[in-house]
Amino acid sequence: MVEKQSSSELISSKVLLSVATSPFLLAAIAAESLTKNLIEIGEVCEEVFRGDRLPILHVPEEETENK
């Protein structure tokens, strides 16, 4: 009977370990994805604020009348 109890404890501990491992793996994958996306967003923002792709605004000069 002692062997049956230890084998059932072994099975239950393996199941518990496998169930507990899944959230950690998902968290690691989510953290990696979040980091990658934040870096890409930062690079896009940097391109926008750099000014190379902004349109050139032609401001008409007002003629002043000197009399």
C-alpha atoms as a PDB file:
ATOM      1  CA  MET A   1       0.000   0.000   0.000  1.00  0.00           C
ATOM      2  CA  VAL A   2       2.868   2.364   0.627  1.00  0.00           C
ATOM      3  CA  GLU A   3       3.965   2.021  -2.998  1.00  0.00           C
ATOM      4  CA  LYS A   4       0.515   2.952  -4.290  1.00  0.00           C
ATOM      5  CA  GLN A   5       0.450   6.087  -2.170  1.00  0.00           C
ATOM      6  CA  SER A   6       3.895   7.199  -3.297  1.00  0.00           C
ATOM      7  CA  SER A   7       3.080   6.577  -6.979  1.00  0.00           C
ATOM      8  CA  SER A   8      -0.156   8.560  -6.685  1.00  0.00           C
ATOM      9  CA  GLU A   9       1.726  11.353  -4.933  1.00  0.00           C
ATOM     10  CA  LEU A  10       4.301  11.268  -7.706  1.00  0.00           C
ATOM     11  CA  ILE A  11       1.629  11.501 -10.376  1.00  0.00           C
ATOM     12  CA  SER A  12      -0.167  14.323  -8.632  1.00  0.00           C
ATOM     13  CA  SER A  13       3.066  16.271  -8.108  1.00  0.00           C
ATOM     14  CA  LYS A  14       3.911  15.890 -11.802  1.00  0.00           C
ATOM     15  CA  VAL A  15       0.472  17.114 -12.764  1.00  0.00           C
ATOM     16  CA  LEU A  16       0.729  20.043 -10.367  1.00  0.00           C
ATOM     17  CA  LEU A  17       4.155  20.927 -11.716  1.00  0.00           C
ATOM     18  CA  SER A  18       2.950  20.851 -15.316  1.00  0.00           C
ATOM     19  CA  VAL A  19      -0.088  22.977 -14.459  1.00  0.00           C
ATOM     20  CA  ALA A  20       2.078  25.489 -12.603  1.00  0.00           C
ATOM     21  CA  THR A  21       4.600  25.710 -15.454  1.00  0.00           C
ATOM     22  CA  SER A  22       2.117  26.928 -18.066  1.00  0.00           C
ATOM     23  CA  PRO A  23       1.483  30.398 -16.585  1.00  0.00           C
ATOM     24  CA  PHE A  24       5.209  31.045 -16.269  1.00  0.00           C
ATOM     25  CA  LEU A  25       5.816  30.111 -19.896  1.00  0.00           C
ATOM     26  CA  LEU A  26       2.919  32.269 -21.049  1.00  0.00           C
ATOM     27  CA  ALA A  27       4.183  35.188 -18.965  1.00  0.00           C
ATOM     28  CA  ALA A  28       7.672  34.860 -20.460  1.00  0.00           C
ATOM     29  CA  ILE A  29       6.277  34.806 -24.009  1.00  0.00           C
ATOM     30  CA  ALA A  30       3.999  37.776 -23.278  1.00  0.00           C
ATOM     31  CA  ALA A  31       6.868  39.780 -21.763  1.00  0.00           C
ATOM     32  CA  GLU A  32       9.066  39.112 -24.790  1.00  0.00           C
ATOM     33  CA  SER A  33       6.278  40.124 -27.172  1.00  0.00           C
ATOM     34  CA  LEU A  34       5.496  43.263 -25.178  1.00  0.00           C
ATOM     35  CA  THR A  35       9.155  44.276 -25.142  1.00  0.00           C
ATOM     36  CA  LYS A  36       9.470  43.766 -28.889  1.00  0.00           C
ATOM     37  CA  ASN A  37       6.306  45.787 -29.584  1.00  0.00           C
ATOM     38  CA  LEU A  38       7.372  48.645 -27.316  1.00  0.00           C
ATOM     39  CA  ILE A  39      10.741  48.848 -29.083  1.00  0.00           C
ATOM     40  CA  GLU A  40       9.011  48.977 -32.473  1.00  0.00           C
ATOM     41  CA  ILE A  41       6.626  51.708 -31.271  1.00  0.00           C
ATOM     42  CA  GLY A  42       9.592  53.696 -29.975  1.00  0.00           C
ATOM     43  CA  GLU A  43      11.351  53.449 -33.325  1.00  0.00           C
ATOM     44  CA  VAL A  44       8.228  54.603 -35.179  1.00  0.00           C
ATOM     45  CA  CYS A  45       7.821  57.572 -32.833  1.00  0.00           C
ATOM     46  CA  GLU A  46      11.452  58.453 -33.334  1.00  0.00           C
ATOM     47  CA  GLU A  47      10.943  58.523 -37.109  1.00  0.00           C
ATOM     48  CA  VAL A  48       7.891  60.768 -36.778  1.00  0.00           C
ATOM     49  CA  PHE A  49       9.621  63.284 -34.538  1.00  0.00           C
ATOM     50  CA  ARG A  50      12.837  63.292 -36.544  1.00  0.00           C
ATOM     51  CA  GLY A  51      11.223  65.562 -39.124  1.00  0.00           C
ATOM     52  CA  ASP A  52      12.532  64.059 -42.350  1.00  0.00           C
ATOM     53  CA  ARG A  53       9.093  62.964 -43.429  1.00  0.00           C
ATOM     54  CA  LEU A  54       7.215  66.069 -42.395  1.00  0.00           C
ATOM     55  CA  PRO A  55       5.824  68.195 -45.223  1.00  0.00           C
ATOM     56  CA  ILE A  56       7.428  71.504 -46.046  1.00  0.00           C
ATOM     57  CA  LEU A  57       5.063  74.345 -45.283  1.00  0.00           C
ATOM     58  CA  HIS A  58       5.192  77.287 -47.648  1.00  0.00           C
ATOM     59  CA  VAL A  59       4.174  80.349 -45.698  1.00  0.00           C
ATOM     60  CA  PRO A  60       3.232  83.238 -47.994  1.00  0.00           C
ATOM     61  CA  GLU A  61       4.982  86.467 -47.162  1.00  0.00           C
ATOM     62  CA  GLU A  62       2.721  89.399 -46.635  1.00  0.00           C
ATOM     63  CA  GLU A  63       3.578  92.502 -48.603  1.00  0.00           C
ATOM     64  CA  THR A  64       3.858  95.555 -46.460  1.00  0.00           C
ATOM     65  CA  GLU A  65       2.877  98.872 -47.990  1.00  0.00           C
ATOM     66  CA  ASN A  66       5.400 101.590 -47.284  1.00  0.00           C
ATOM     67  CA  LYS A  67       3.941 105.048 -47.934  1.00  0.00           C
END
